[in-house]
C-alpha atoms as a PDB file:
ATOM      1  CA  MET A   1      12.827  39.268   8.826  1.00  0.00           C
ATOM      2  CA  SER A   2      11.786  35.266   7.817  1.00  0.00           C
ATOM      3  CA  THR A   3      10.198  34.614   5.109  1.00  0.00           C
ATOM      4  CA  LEU A   4       6.861  33.510   7.099  1.00  0.00           C
ATOM      5  CA  ASP A   5       6.982  37.210   8.786  1.00  0.00           C
ATOM      6  CA  LYS A   6       7.118  38.675   5.588  1.00  0.00           C
ATOM      7  CA  LEU A   7       4.376  36.477   3.745  1.00  0.00           C
ATOM      8  CA  LEU A   8       2.094  37.039   7.108  1.00  0.00           C
ATOM      9  CA  LEU A   9       3.267  40.913   7.111  1.00  0.00           C
ATOM     10  CA  CYS A  10       2.237  40.964   3.020  1.00  0.00           C
ATOM     11  CA  ARG A  11      -1.529  39.139   3.912  1.00  0.00           C
ATOM     12  CA  LEU A  12      -2.123  41.516   6.757  1.00  0.00           C
ATOM     13  CA  ARG A  13      -1.379  45.061   4.178  1.00  0.00           C
ATOM     14  CA  LYS A  14      -3.446  43.211   1.400  1.00  0.00           C
ATOM     15  CA  GLY A  15      -6.227  42.486   2.871  1.00  0.00           C
ATOM     16  CA  ILE A  16      -8.896  39.245   1.202  1.00  0.00           C
ATOM     17  CA  VAL A  17      -8.034  39.447  -1.911  1.00  0.00           C
ATOM     18  CA  THR A  18     -10.559  36.474  -3.381  1.00  0.00           C
ATOM     19  CA  VAL A  19     -13.813  36.740  -3.871  1.00  0.00           C
ATOM     20  CA  PRO A  20     -16.276  34.124  -1.745  1.00  0.00           C
ATOM     21  CA  VAL A  21     -17.594  31.373  -3.972  1.00  0.00           C
ATOM     22  CA  GLU A  22     -21.371  31.044  -3.649  1.00  0.00           C
ATOM     23  CA  ILE A  23     -21.478  26.925  -3.753  1.00  0.00           C
ATOM     24  CA  GLN A  24     -24.966  26.554  -3.381  1.00  0.00           C
ATOM     25  CA  LYS A  25     -25.845  28.783  -6.479  1.00  0.00           C
ATOM     26  CA  VAL A  26     -22.922  27.096  -8.666  1.00  0.00           C
ATOM     27  CA  GLU A  27     -24.777  23.391  -7.434  1.00  0.00           C
ATOM     28  CA  GLN A  28     -28.113  24.636  -8.890  1.00  0.00           C
ATOM     29  CA  MET A  29     -27.204  25.798 -11.864  1.00  0.00           C
ATOM     30  CA  GLY A  30     -25.167  23.253 -12.313  1.00  0.00           C
ATOM     31  CA  ALA A  31     -27.249  20.673 -11.938  1.00  0.00           C
ATOM     32  CA  GLU A  32     -29.356  22.799 -14.688  1.00  0.00           C
ATOM     33  CA  LEU A  33     -26.869  22.788 -16.572  1.00  0.00           C
ATOM     34  CA  LYS A  34     -26.330  19.198 -16.843  1.00  0.00           C
ATOM     35  CA  LYS A  35     -29.767  18.427 -17.066  1.00  0.00           C
ATOM     36  CA  ALA A  36     -29.762  20.631 -20.045  1.00  0.00           C
ATOM     37  CA  ILE A  37     -26.972  19.028 -21.700  1.00  0.00           C
ATOM     38  CA  ASN A  38     -28.258  15.675 -20.997  1.00  0.00           C
ATOM     39  CA  ALA A  39     -31.600  16.815 -22.812  1.00  0.00           C
ATOM     40  CA  ARG A  40     -29.931  18.593 -26.142  1.00  0.00           C
ATOM     41  CA  PHE A  41     -26.767  15.950 -26.482  1.00  0.00           C
ATOM     42  CA  ARG A  42     -27.461  12.708 -24.231  1.00  0.00           C
ATOM     43  CA  ARG A  43     -23.791  12.916 -23.508  1.00  0.00           C
ATOM     44  CA  SER A  44     -20.932  15.915 -22.566  1.00  0.00           C
ATOM     45  CA  PHE A  45     -21.155  19.107 -24.205  1.00  0.00           C
ATOM     46  CA  ASN A  46     -17.572  19.513 -26.022  1.00  0.00           C
ATOM     47  CA  ILE A  47     -16.139  22.612 -26.408  1.00  0.00           C
ATOM     48  CA  ARG A  48     -12.672  23.343 -28.408  1.00  0.00           C
ATOM     49  CA  GLU A  49     -11.301  26.577 -26.890  1.00  0.00           C
ATOM     50  CA  VAL A  50      -9.478  28.767 -29.053  1.00  0.00           C
ATOM     51  CA  ASP A  51      -7.331  32.289 -27.703  1.00  0.00           C
ATOM     52  CA  THR A  52      -7.388  34.287 -30.992  1.00  0.00           C
ATOM     53  CA  GLY A  53      -4.735  36.732 -29.351  1.00  0.00           C
ATOM     54  CA  SER A  54      -6.373  37.748 -25.491  1.00  0.00           C
ATOM     55  CA  CYS A  55      -4.088  39.241 -22.506  1.00  0.00           C
ATOM     56  CA  GLY A  56      -4.694  35.448 -20.715  1.00  0.00           C
ATOM     57  CA  ILE A  57      -7.200  37.110 -18.432  1.00  0.00           C
ATOM     58  CA  CYS A  58     -10.314  34.893 -20.008  1.00  0.00           C
ATOM     59  CA  GLU A  59      -8.411  31.956 -20.337  1.00  0.00           C
ATOM     60  CA  ALA A  60      -7.418  31.958 -16.496  1.00  0.00           C
ATOM     61  CA  GLU A  61     -11.336  32.112 -15.989  1.00  0.00           C
ATOM     62  CA  ILE A  62     -12.019  29.058 -18.045  1.00  0.00           C
ATOM     63  CA  ILE A  63      -9.384  27.483 -15.592  1.00  0.00           C
ATOM     64  CA  ALA A  64     -11.251  28.850 -12.525  1.00  0.00           C
ATOM     65  CA  ALA A  65     -14.513  27.076 -14.093  1.00  0.00           C
ATOM     66  CA  ASN A  66     -12.401  23.605 -14.397  1.00  0.00           C
ATOM     67  CA  ASN A  67     -11.062  23.727 -11.101  1.00  0.00           C
ATOM     68  CA  PRO A  68     -12.459  21.854  -7.754  1.00  0.00           C
ATOM     69  CA  VAL A  69     -14.491  24.459  -6.635  1.00  0.00           C
ATOM     70  CA  TYR A  70     -16.901  24.954  -9.999  1.00  0.00           C
ATOM     71  CA  ASP A  71     -15.282  21.787 -11.901  1.00  0.00           C
ATOM     72  CA  VAL A  72     -18.193  22.336 -14.876  1.00  0.00           C
ATOM     73  CA  ALA A  73     -16.892  18.545 -16.507  1.00  0.00           C
ATOM     74  CA  ARG A  74     -18.849  16.872 -13.010  1.00  0.00           C
ATOM     75  CA  PHE A  75     -22.056  18.995 -15.053  1.00  0.00           C
ATOM     76  CA  GLY A  76     -21.027  17.544 -18.461  1.00  0.00           C
ATOM     77  CA  VAL A  77     -18.709  20.268 -20.079  1.00  0.00           C
ATOM     78  CA  ASN A  78     -15.536  18.964 -21.506  1.00  0.00           C
ATOM     79  CA  PHE A  79     -13.160  20.865 -23.487  1.00  0.00           C
ATOM     80  CA  VAL A  80     -11.498  18.863 -26.265  1.00  0.00           C
ATOM     81  CA  ALA A  81      -8.516  18.840 -27.807  1.00  0.00           C
ATOM     82  CA  SER A  82      -9.552  18.496 -31.463  1.00  0.00           C
ATOM     83  CA  PRO A  83     -12.003  20.978 -33.354  1.00  0.00           C
ATOM     84  CA  ARG A  84     -13.528  17.500 -34.606  1.00  0.00           C
ATOM     85  CA  HIS A  85     -14.934  16.301 -31.802  1.00  0.00           C
ATOM     86  CA  ALA A  86     -16.435  19.740 -30.516  1.00  0.00           C
ATOM     87  CA  ASP A  87     -19.757  20.477 -30.340  1.00  0.00           C
ATOM     88  CA  ALA A  88     -18.796  24.611 -29.837  1.00  0.00           C
ATOM     89  CA  LEU A  89     -16.431  26.897 -30.545  1.00  0.00           C
ATOM     90  CA  LEU A  90     -14.939  28.948 -27.451  1.00  0.00           C
ATOM     91  CA  VAL A  91     -12.733  32.038 -28.700  1.00  0.00           C
ATOM     92  CA  THR A  92     -11.267  34.334 -26.115  1.00  0.00           C
ATOM     93  CA  GLY A  93      -9.651  37.736 -27.660  1.00  0.00           C
ATOM     94  CA  PRO A  94      -9.727  40.140 -30.792  1.00  0.00           C
ATOM     95  CA  VAL A  95      -8.484  38.251 -33.605  1.00  0.00           C
ATOM     96  CA  GLY A  96      -5.215  38.990 -34.469  1.00  0.00           C
ATOM     97  CA  LYS A  97      -3.806  38.675 -38.038  1.00  0.00           C
ATOM     98  CA  ASN A  98      -1.720  35.705 -37.447  1.00  0.00           C
ATOM     99  CA  MET A  99      -4.627  34.059 -36.021  1.00  0.00           C
ATOM    100  CA  LEU A 100      -7.044  34.600 -38.675  1.00  0.00           C
ATOM    101  CA  LEU A 101      -6.341  31.462 -40.739  1.00  0.00           C
ATOM    102  CA  ALA A 102      -6.034  29.605 -37.331  1.00  0.00           C
ATOM    103  CA  LEU A 103      -9.642  30.559 -36.600  1.00  0.00           C
ATOM    104  CA  GLN A 104     -10.977  29.841 -39.771  1.00  0.00           C
ATOM    105  CA  LYS A 105      -9.547  26.210 -40.161  1.00  0.00           C
ATOM    106  CA  THR A 106     -10.633  25.363 -36.591  1.00  0.00           C
ATOM    107  CA  TYR A 107     -13.964  26.225 -37.677  1.00  0.00           C
ATOM    108  CA  ASP A 108     -14.296  25.017 -41.156  1.00  0.00           C
ATOM    109  CA  ALA A 109     -12.962  21.182 -39.295  1.00  0.00           C
ATOM    110  CA  MET A 110     -16.170  21.367 -36.852  1.00  0.00           C
ATOM    111  CA  PRO A 111     -18.794  19.553 -37.427  1.00  0.00           C
ATOM    112  CA  GLU A 112     -22.315  20.419 -38.198  1.00  0.00           C
ATOM    113  CA  PRO A 113     -24.317  22.458 -36.223  1.00  0.00           C
ATOM    114  CA  LYS A 114     -21.490  24.521 -35.152  1.00  0.00           C
ATOM    115  CA  LEU A 115     -22.539  26.556 -32.351  1.00  0.00           C
ATOM    116  CA  VAL A 116     -19.411  29.535 -31.911  1.00  0.00           C
ATOM    117  CA  ILE A 117     -19.402  31.248 -28.121  1.00  0.00           C
ATOM    118  CA  THR A 118     -16.899  34.416 -27.530  1.00  0.00           C
ATOM    119  CA  LEU A 119     -15.902  35.295 -24.204  1.00  0.00           C
ATOM    120  CA  GLY A 120     -15.047  38.518 -23.073  1.00  0.00           C
ATOM    121  CA  ASP A 121     -14.931  41.816 -24.611  1.00  0.00           C
ATOM    122  CA  CYS A 122     -12.023  41.940 -26.587  1.00  0.00           C
ATOM    123  CA  ALA A 123     -13.703  38.938 -28.889  1.00  0.00           C
ATOM    124  CA  LEU A 124     -16.823  40.681 -29.299  1.00  0.00           C
ATOM    125  CA  ASP A 125     -15.226  43.704 -30.926  1.00  0.00           C
ATOM    126  CA  GLY A 126     -11.541  43.636 -30.105  1.00  0.00           C
ATOM    127  CA  GLY A 127     -11.926  45.355 -26.958  1.00  0.00           C
ATOM    128  CA  ILE A 128      -9.107  47.385 -26.010  1.00  0.00           C
ATOM    129  CA  PHE A 129      -6.817  46.343 -28.981  1.00  0.00           C
ATOM    130  CA  LYS A 130      -9.763  47.275 -31.991  1.00  0.00           C
ATOM    131  CA  GLU A 131      -7.946  49.992 -33.188  1.00  0.00           C
ATOM    132  CA  SER A 132      -4.604  48.293 -33.403  1.00  0.00           C
ATOM    133  CA  TYR A 133      -3.105  47.654 -36.670  1.00  0.00           C
ATOM    134  CA  TYR A 134      -2.426  43.996 -36.015  1.00  0.00           C
ATOM    135  CA  VAL A 135      -5.944  43.174 -35.074  1.00  0.00           C
ATOM    136  CA  GLU A 136      -8.771  41.949 -37.359  1.00  0.00           C
ATOM    137  CA  GLY A 137     -11.937  43.301 -34.949  1.00  0.00           C
ATOM    138  CA  GLY A 138     -13.967  40.857 -33.123  1.00  0.00           C
ATOM    139  CA  VAL A 139     -15.402  37.031 -33.913  1.00  0.00           C
ATOM    140  CA  SER A 140     -18.339  37.919 -35.306  1.00  0.00           C
ATOM    141  CA  LYS A 141     -16.232  40.015 -38.235  1.00  0.00           C
ATOM    142  CA  ILE A 142     -15.112  36.657 -39.323  1.00  0.00           C
ATOM    143  CA  LEU A 143     -17.396  33.774 -37.476  1.00  0.00           C
ATOM    144  CA  PRO A 144     -21.546  33.557 -37.103  1.00  0.00           C
ATOM    145  CA  VAL A 145     -21.123  33.867 -33.464  1.00  0.00           C
ATOM    146  CA  THR A 146     -24.085  32.304 -31.781  1.00  0.00           C
ATOM    147  CA  LEU A 147     -23.584  33.473 -28.123  1.00  0.00           C
ATOM    148  CA  HIS A 148     -21.603  36.113 -26.589  1.00  0.00           C
ATOM    149  CA  ILE A 149     -20.459  35.891 -23.025  1.00  0.00           C
ATOM    150  CA  PRO A 150     -19.545  39.775 -21.745  1.00  0.00           C
ATOM    151  CA  GLY A 151     -17.488  40.652 -19.339  1.00  0.00           C
ATOM    152  CA  CYS A 152     -13.283  41.391 -18.734  1.00  0.00           C
ATOM    153  CA  PRO A 153     -13.125  38.738 -17.927  1.00  0.00           C
ATOM    154  CA  PRO A 154     -16.435  36.579 -17.411  1.00  0.00           C
ATOM    155  CA  THR A 155     -16.382  35.053 -13.636  1.00  0.00           C
ATOM    156  CA  PRO A 156     -16.980  31.094 -13.831  1.00  0.00           C
ATOM    157  CA  LEU A 157     -20.216  31.355 -12.830  1.00  0.00           C
ATOM    158  CA  GLU A 158     -21.254  34.205 -15.602  1.00  0.00           C
ATOM    159  CA  ILE A 159     -19.560  31.632 -17.965  1.00  0.00           C
ATOM    160  CA  ILE A 160     -21.726  28.816 -16.281  1.00  0.00           C
ATOM    161  CA  GLU A 161     -24.905  30.473 -16.663  1.00  0.00           C
ATOM    162  CA  ALA A 162     -24.516  31.697 -20.311  1.00  0.00           C
ATOM    163  CA  LEU A 163     -23.583  28.126 -21.007  1.00  0.00           C
ATOM    164  CA  LEU A 164     -27.388  27.142 -19.102  1.00  0.00           C
ATOM    165  CA  GLY A 165     -28.736  30.292 -21.459  1.00  0.00           C
ATOM    166  CA  LEU A 166     -27.797  28.737 -24.578  1.00  0.00           C
ATOM    167  CA  LEU A 167     -28.413  25.003 -23.904  1.00  0.00           C
ATOM    168  CA  LYS A 168     -31.986  25.859 -22.512  1.00  0.00           C
ATOM    169  CA  GLN A 169     -32.622  27.550 -25.975  1.00  0.00           C
END
């Protein structure tokens, strides 16, 4: 059996594994998000993301929010490398003991006003890892959380919707 035959057979067995994207909804919410960002900042909304010990699936959804389908950058959401340039800190995962100091230093380096956004159930309260000897707990035990985006993991559209809600306040 050729490689192509194997791929086709695998595709037939699995069926459709992707979820259709509601492009009209993305465009509508994106336009609202861009308007809210411009009204509040008069420039882009800069986010510093920190993974404090997640399984990686929330990061996959953040990456998906940046892919050409959702492309949150076109709406004014930028992910930055330095907390000194950030308007918000986006934290994923339960806070592991080895990330406690790094998370605190990242938060301390941010300019005022400091927005802290947690993404995913693990960041809220430790998720499935909360009873582990290695986990300090959810982010709210360490930092004042402004917004929590629930889900395991939240979809890119849910991330956009939550950011829109935050910025409309």
